[in-house]
């Protein structure tokens, strides 16, 4: 007689929650290279360099978008320029801890060309940490430097002030002019490259 019982296959809790891709994680861990974990929330972005260990992951170095605010960043904390600058800062900190290479670990989130995650990885690579990613999948230079945002803000201010106020209301409330995005990004990049932490 054939049994009609079905085998129960347990699914790990973090896989059910959509937090961990165990298959990808296993491949990366066996390589013994640190992981670059990137998390984008509704307001902020976090980048952590992690060494997986049996007793739990060890965070070697990290950077949070709040760190950019302390260094003088006035734009959105999760914009493409902010993600690039955060990657640059995270990469510099990782280099100080002796990390020369890392693999991007994005959990179950899919990697999108030209996304904020790719901008962050580009920043890490520019800081001198080798992360396997083609520069072709990174956002355009105009988006990374904030030039695209600044030009859009200038054209919108000239054509439709009401829409300008609506689109950039969050930044305007803080006293920041969106058309100065490129200048602010350039100044902060220089500060990070000179050793600001």
C-alpha atoms as a PDB file:
ATOM      1  CA  UNK A   1       0.000   0.000   0.000  1.00  0.00           C
ATOM      2  CA  UNK A   2       1.347   3.402  -0.996  1.00  0.00           C
ATOM      3  CA  UNK A   3       1.555   5.929   1.835  1.00  0.00           C
ATOM      4  CA  UNK A   4      -0.402   9.130   1.228  1.00  0.00           C
ATOM      5  CA  UNK A   5       1.500  11.052   3.881  1.00  0.00           C
ATOM      6  CA  UNK A   6       3.300  14.105   2.625  1.00  0.00           C
ATOM      7  CA  UNK A   7       6.776  14.926   3.855  1.00  0.00           C
ATOM      8  CA  UNK A   8       6.973  18.179   5.786  1.00  0.00           C
ATOM      9  CA  UNK A   9       9.900  20.305   4.656  1.00  0.00           C
ATOM     10  CA  UNK A  10      10.678  23.006   7.247  1.00  0.00           C
ATOM     11  CA  UNK A  11      11.601  26.417   5.908  1.00  0.00           C
ATOM     12  CA  UNK A  12      14.037  28.436   8.000  1.00  0.00           C
ATOM     13  CA  UNK A  13      12.456  31.386   9.781  1.00  0.00           C
ATOM     14  CA  UNK A  14      14.664  34.047   8.143  1.00  0.00           C
ATOM     15  CA  UNK A  15      13.879  32.555   4.717  1.00  0.00           C
ATOM     16  CA  UNK A  16      10.147  32.712   5.481  1.00  0.00           C
ATOM     17  CA  UNK A  17      10.572  36.347   6.539  1.00  0.00           C
ATOM     18  CA  UNK A  18      12.415  37.130   3.288  1.00  0.00           C
ATOM     19  CA  UNK A  19      15.532  38.168   5.211  1.00  0.00           C
ATOM     20  CA  UNK A  20      18.115  35.571   4.164  1.00  0.00           C
ATOM     21  CA  UNK A  21      18.965  33.777   0.940  1.00  0.00           C
ATOM     22  CA  UNK A  22      20.711  30.725   2.430  1.00  0.00           C
ATOM     23  CA  UNK A  23      21.850  29.341  -0.924  1.00  0.00           C
ATOM     24  CA  UNK A  24      23.654  32.574  -1.874  1.00  0.00           C
ATOM     25  CA  UNK A  25      24.942  33.023   1.654  1.00  0.00           C
ATOM     26  CA  UNK A  26      26.473  29.527   1.704  1.00  0.00           C
ATOM     27  CA  UNK A  27      28.387  30.203  -1.523  1.00  0.00           C
ATOM     28  CA  UNK A  28      29.753  33.488  -0.203  1.00  0.00           C
ATOM     29  CA  UNK A  29      30.688  32.123   3.235  1.00  0.00           C
ATOM     30  CA  UNK A  30      32.695  29.227   1.784  1.00  0.00           C
ATOM     31  CA  UNK A  31      34.805  31.770  -0.133  1.00  0.00           C
ATOM     32  CA  UNK A  32      36.051  33.254   3.214  1.00  0.00           C
ATOM     33  CA  UNK A  33      35.798  36.783   1.750  1.00  0.00           C
ATOM     34  CA  UNK A  34      33.962  39.463   3.838  1.00  0.00           C
ATOM     35  CA  UNK A  35      30.405  40.358   2.884  1.00  0.00           C
ATOM     36  CA  UNK A  36      29.162  43.840   2.035  1.00  0.00           C
ATOM     37  CA  UNK A  37      25.608  43.932   3.360  1.00  0.00           C
ATOM     38  CA  UNK A  38      23.479  46.841   2.121  1.00  0.00           C
ATOM     39  CA  UNK A  39      20.100  47.717   3.610  1.00  0.00           C
ATOM     40  CA  UNK A  40      17.823  50.467   2.295  1.00  0.00           C
ATOM     41  CA  UNK A  41      14.962  51.512   4.613  1.00  0.00           C
ATOM     42  CA  UNK A  42      12.247  54.083   4.098  1.00  0.00           C
ATOM     43  CA  UNK A  43      14.525  56.892   5.295  1.00  0.00           C
ATOM     44  CA  UNK A  44      18.106  55.665   5.562  1.00  0.00           C
ATOM     45  CA  UNK A  45      20.763  53.377   4.096  1.00  0.00           C
ATOM     46  CA  UNK A  46      23.240  51.167   5.959  1.00  0.00           C
ATOM     47  CA  UNK A  47      26.397  49.488   4.661  1.00  0.00           C
ATOM     48  CA  UNK A  48      28.188  46.845   6.756  1.00  0.00           C
ATOM     49  CA  UNK A  49      31.297  44.781   6.114  1.00  0.00           C
ATOM     50  CA  UNK A  50      30.716  41.426   7.788  1.00  0.00           C
ATOM     51  CA  UNK A  51      32.843  38.369   8.504  1.00  0.00           C
ATOM     52  CA  UNK A  52      30.566  35.324   8.949  1.00  0.00           C
ATOM     53  CA  UNK A  53      31.545  33.168  11.928  1.00  0.00           C
ATOM     54  CA  UNK A  54      30.095  30.035  13.520  1.00  0.00           C
ATOM     55  CA  UNK A  55      29.011  31.922  16.636  1.00  0.00           C
ATOM     56  CA  UNK A  56      27.475  34.744  14.598  1.00  0.00           C
ATOM     57  CA  UNK A  57      28.388  37.421  12.077  1.00  0.00           C
ATOM     58  CA  UNK A  58      31.090  39.886  13.089  1.00  0.00           C
ATOM     59  CA  UNK A  59      30.669  43.450  11.837  1.00  0.00           C
ATOM     60  CA  UNK A  60      34.148  44.650  10.903  1.00  0.00           C
ATOM     61  CA  UNK A  61      33.118  48.161   9.853  1.00  0.00           C
ATOM     62  CA  UNK A  62      29.951  50.002   8.936  1.00  0.00           C
ATOM     63  CA  UNK A  63      28.529  53.313   7.771  1.00  0.00           C
ATOM     64  CA  UNK A  64      25.044  54.774   8.091  1.00  0.00           C
ATOM     65  CA  UNK A  65      23.490  57.622   6.141  1.00  0.00           C
ATOM     66  CA  UNK A  66      23.287  59.590   9.416  1.00  0.00           C
ATOM     67  CA  UNK A  67      27.103  59.736   9.264  1.00  0.00           C
ATOM     68  CA  UNK A  68      26.791  61.766   6.056  1.00  0.00           C
ATOM     69  CA  UNK A  69      24.577  64.319   7.805  1.00  0.00           C
ATOM     70  CA  UNK A  70      27.271  64.806  10.455  1.00  0.00           C
ATOM     71  CA  UNK A  71      29.806  65.441   7.683  1.00  0.00           C
ATOM     72  CA  UNK A  72      27.615  68.111   6.070  1.00  0.00           C
ATOM     73  CA  UNK A  73      25.318  66.265   3.665  1.00  0.00           C
ATOM     74  CA  UNK A  74      22.098  68.248   3.166  1.00  0.00           C
ATOM     75  CA  UNK A  75      20.295  66.207   0.493  1.00  0.00           C
ATOM     76  CA  UNK A  76      18.088  63.137   0.797  1.00  0.00           C
ATOM     77  CA  UNK A  77      19.631  60.362   2.906  1.00  0.00           C
ATOM     78  CA  UNK A  78      18.676  57.647   0.418  1.00  0.00           C
ATOM     79  CA  UNK A  79      19.226  59.387  -2.919  1.00  0.00           C
ATOM     80  CA  UNK A  80      21.683  58.044  -5.512  1.00  0.00           C
ATOM     81  CA  UNK A  81      24.368  60.671  -4.643  1.00  0.00           C
ATOM     82  CA  UNK A  82      23.946  59.909  -0.914  1.00  0.00           C
ATOM     83  CA  UNK A  83      24.325  56.165  -1.551  1.00  0.00           C
ATOM     84  CA  UNK A  84      27.484  56.748  -3.583  1.00  0.00           C
ATOM     85  CA  UNK A  85      28.975  58.951  -0.841  1.00  0.00           C
ATOM     86  CA  UNK A  86      27.974  56.412   1.813  1.00  0.00           C
ATOM     87  CA  UNK A  87      29.732  53.704  -0.200  1.00  0.00           C
ATOM     88  CA  UNK A  88      32.831  55.883  -0.423  1.00  0.00           C
ATOM     89  CA  UNK A  89      32.782  56.428   3.349  1.00  0.00           C
ATOM     90  CA  UNK A  90      32.103  52.740   4.077  1.00  0.00           C
ATOM     91  CA  UNK A  91      34.892  51.700   1.716  1.00  0.00           C
ATOM     92  CA  UNK A  92      37.401  54.044   3.366  1.00  0.00           C
ATOM     93  CA  UNK A  93      36.491  52.671   6.797  1.00  0.00           C
ATOM     94  CA  UNK A  94      36.783  49.087   5.532  1.00  0.00           C
ATOM     95  CA  UNK A  95      40.226  49.813   4.063  1.00  0.00           C
ATOM     96  CA  UNK A  96      41.308  51.136   7.469  1.00  0.00           C
ATOM     97  CA  UNK A  97      40.313  47.735   8.908  1.00  0.00           C
ATOM     98  CA  UNK A  98      42.401  45.890   6.321  1.00  0.00           C
ATOM     99  CA  UNK A  99      39.590  44.809   4.001  1.00  0.00           C
ATOM    100  CA  UNK A 100      40.737  44.686   0.380  1.00  0.00           C
ATOM    101  CA  UNK A 101      37.922  42.638  -1.168  1.00  0.00           C
ATOM    102  CA  UNK A 102      34.259  41.925  -0.391  1.00  0.00           C
ATOM    103  CA  UNK A 103      31.234  40.289  -1.970  1.00  0.00           C
ATOM    104  CA  UNK A 104      27.921  42.109  -2.130  1.00  0.00           C
ATOM    105  CA  UNK A 105      25.244  40.358  -0.076  1.00  0.00           C
ATOM    106  CA  UNK A 106      21.839  41.899  -0.678  1.00  0.00           C
ATOM    107  CA  UNK A 107      19.702  39.192   0.912  1.00  0.00           C
ATOM    108  CA  UNK A 108      16.642  38.282  -1.124  1.00  0.00           C
ATOM    109  CA  UNK A 109      16.402  41.737  -2.696  1.00  0.00           C
ATOM    110  CA  UNK A 110      17.120  41.630  -6.413  1.00  0.00           C
ATOM    111  CA  UNK A 111      20.041  43.640  -7.794  1.00  0.00           C
ATOM    112  CA  UNK A 112      18.867  46.359 -10.209  1.00  0.00           C
ATOM    113  CA  UNK A 113      21.176  48.099 -12.665  1.00  0.00           C
ATOM    114  CA  UNK A 114      21.466  51.828 -11.984  1.00  0.00           C
ATOM    115  CA  UNK A 115      19.940  51.459  -8.512  1.00  0.00           C
ATOM    116  CA  UNK A 116      20.965  52.987  -5.191  1.00  0.00           C
ATOM    117  CA  UNK A 117      22.674  49.728  -4.214  1.00  0.00           C
ATOM    118  CA  UNK A 118      24.794  49.817  -7.367  1.00  0.00           C
ATOM    119  CA  UNK A 119      25.676  53.462  -6.594  1.00  0.00           C
ATOM    120  CA  UNK A 120      26.814  52.428  -3.119  1.00  0.00           C
ATOM    121  CA  UNK A 121      28.949  49.589  -4.499  1.00  0.00           C
ATOM    122  CA  UNK A 122      30.491  52.042  -6.982  1.00  0.00           C
ATOM    123  CA  UNK A 123      31.458  54.258  -4.037  1.00  0.00           C
ATOM    124  CA  UNK A 124      33.018  51.311  -2.198  1.00  0.00           C
ATOM    125  CA  UNK A 125      35.027  50.408  -5.302  1.00  0.00           C
ATOM    126  CA  UNK A 126      36.195  54.024  -5.722  1.00  0.00           C
ATOM    127  CA  UNK A 127      37.440  53.875  -2.124  1.00  0.00           C
ATOM    128  CA  UNK A 128      39.738  50.998  -3.118  1.00  0.00           C
ATOM    129  CA  UNK A 129      37.811  47.892  -1.999  1.00  0.00           C
ATOM    130  CA  UNK A 130      37.407  45.294  -4.740  1.00  0.00           C
ATOM    131  CA  UNK A 131      33.729  44.321  -5.081  1.00  0.00           C
ATOM    132  CA  UNK A 132      32.793  42.292  -8.178  1.00  0.00           C
ATOM    133  CA  UNK A 133      30.515  44.618 -10.162  1.00  0.00           C
ATOM    134  CA  UNK A 134      30.866  46.078 -13.627  1.00  0.00           C
ATOM    135  CA  UNK A 135      30.921  49.886 -13.753  1.00  0.00           C
ATOM    136  CA  UNK A 136      28.412  49.619 -16.599  1.00  0.00           C
ATOM    137  CA  UNK A 137      25.621  48.691 -14.170  1.00  0.00           C
ATOM    138  CA  UNK A 138      26.259  51.721 -11.934  1.00  0.00           C
ATOM    139  CA  UNK A 139      24.140  54.897 -12.308  1.00  0.00           C
ATOM    140  CA  UNK A 140      25.354  57.556 -14.745  1.00  0.00           C
ATOM    141  CA  UNK A 141      27.967  60.035 -13.553  1.00  0.00           C
ATOM    142  CA  UNK A 142      25.391  62.845 -13.657  1.00  0.00           C
ATOM    143  CA  UNK A 143      23.159  60.943 -11.229  1.00  0.00           C
ATOM    144  CA  UNK A 144      26.044  59.990  -8.921  1.00  0.00           C
ATOM    145  CA  UNK A 145      27.375  63.553  -8.669  1.00  0.00           C
ATOM    146  CA  UNK A 146      23.911  65.065  -8.171  1.00  0.00           C
ATOM    147  CA  UNK A 147      24.166  67.038 -11.420  1.00  0.00           C
ATOM    148  CA  UNK A 148      20.990  65.467 -12.833  1.00  0.00           C
ATOM    149  CA  UNK A 149      19.003  66.408  -9.708  1.00  0.00           C
ATOM    150  CA  UNK A 150      20.410  69.938  -9.633  1.00  0.00           C
ATOM    151  CA  UNK A 151      19.589  70.553 -13.313  1.00  0.00           C
ATOM    152  CA  UNK A 152      16.078  69.169 -12.879  1.00  0.00           C
ATOM    153  CA  UNK A 153      15.541  71.427  -9.849  1.00  0.00           C
ATOM    154  CA  UNK A 154      16.771  74.491 -11.777  1.00  0.00           C
ATOM    155  CA  UNK A 155      14.521  73.807 -14.777  1.00  0.00           C
ATOM    156  CA  UNK A 156      11.529  73.103 -12.552  1.00  0.00           C
ATOM    157  CA  UNK A 157      12.102  76.299 -10.569  1.00  0.00           C
ATOM    158  CA  UNK A 158      12.130  78.298 -13.809  1.00  0.00           C
ATOM    159  CA  UNK A 159       9.085  76.594 -15.335  1.00  0.00           C
ATOM    160  CA  UNK A 160       6.766  75.685 -12.445  1.00  0.00           C
ATOM    161  CA  UNK A 161       7.513  77.040  -8.961  1.00  0.00           C
ATOM    162  CA  UNK A 162       4.477  75.316  -7.459  1.00  0.00           C
ATOM    163  CA  UNK A 163       5.588  71.893  -8.663  1.00  0.00           C
ATOM    164  CA  UNK A 164       9.159  72.676  -7.585  1.00  0.00           C
ATOM    165  CA  UNK A 165       7.929  73.415  -4.048  1.00  0.00           C
ATOM    166  CA  UNK A 166       5.887  70.221  -4.025  1.00  0.00           C
ATOM    167  CA  UNK A 167       8.575  67.877  -5.400  1.00  0.00           C
ATOM    168  CA  UNK A 168      11.366  69.199  -3.166  1.00  0.00           C
ATOM    169  CA  UNK A 169       9.251  70.179  -0.140  1.00  0.00           C
ATOM    170  CA  UNK A 170      11.233  67.973   2.279  1.00  0.00           C
ATOM    171  CA  UNK A 171      14.576  69.509   1.332  1.00  0.00           C
ATOM    172  CA  UNK A 172      13.252  73.074   1.160  1.00  0.00           C
ATOM    173  CA  UNK A 173      11.907  72.756   4.731  1.00  0.00           C
ATOM    174  CA  UNK A 174      15.453  72.103   5.938  1.00  0.00           C
ATOM    175  CA  UNK A 175      16.687  75.251   4.188  1.00  0.00           C
ATOM    176  CA  UNK A 176      18.553  73.361   1.468  1.00  0.00           C
ATOM    177  CA  UNK A 177      18.263  74.407  -2.167  1.00  0.00           C
ATOM    178  CA  UNK A 178      18.014  71.284  -4.415  1.00  0.00           C
ATOM    179  CA  UNK A 179      19.803  73.120  -7.221  1.00  0.00           C
ATOM    180  CA  UNK A 180      22.925  72.994  -5.000  1.00  0.00           C
ATOM    181  CA  UNK A 181      22.915  69.170  -4.936  1.00  0.00           C
ATOM    182  CA  UNK A 182      26.032  68.843  -7.105  1.00  0.00           C
ATOM    183  CA  UNK A 183      28.034  71.374  -5.070  1.00  0.00           C
ATOM    184  CA  UNK A 184      27.118  69.698  -1.779  1.00  0.00           C
ATOM    185  CA  UNK A 185      27.976  66.218  -3.131  1.00  0.00           C
ATOM    186  CA  UNK A 186      31.322  67.414  -4.515  1.00  0.00           C
ATOM    187  CA  UNK A 187      32.305  69.092  -1.224  1.00  0.00           C
ATOM    188  CA  UNK A 188      31.425  66.009   0.806  1.00  0.00           C
ATOM    189  CA  UNK A 189      33.290  63.684  -1.568  1.00  0.00           C
ATOM    190  CA  UNK A 190      36.444  65.765  -1.151  1.00  0.00           C
ATOM    191  CA  UNK A 191      36.025  65.721   2.627  1.00  0.00           C
ATOM    192  CA  UNK A 192      35.718  61.910   2.673  1.00  0.00           C
ATOM    193  CA  UNK A 193      38.710  61.454   0.371  1.00  0.00           C
ATOM    194  CA  UNK A 194      40.764  63.706   2.641  1.00  0.00           C
ATOM    195  CA  UNK A 195      40.005  61.471   5.613  1.00  0.00           C
ATOM    196  CA  UNK A 196      36.718  62.678   7.145  1.00  0.00           C
ATOM    197  CA  UNK A 197      35.085  59.894   9.155  1.00  0.00           C
END
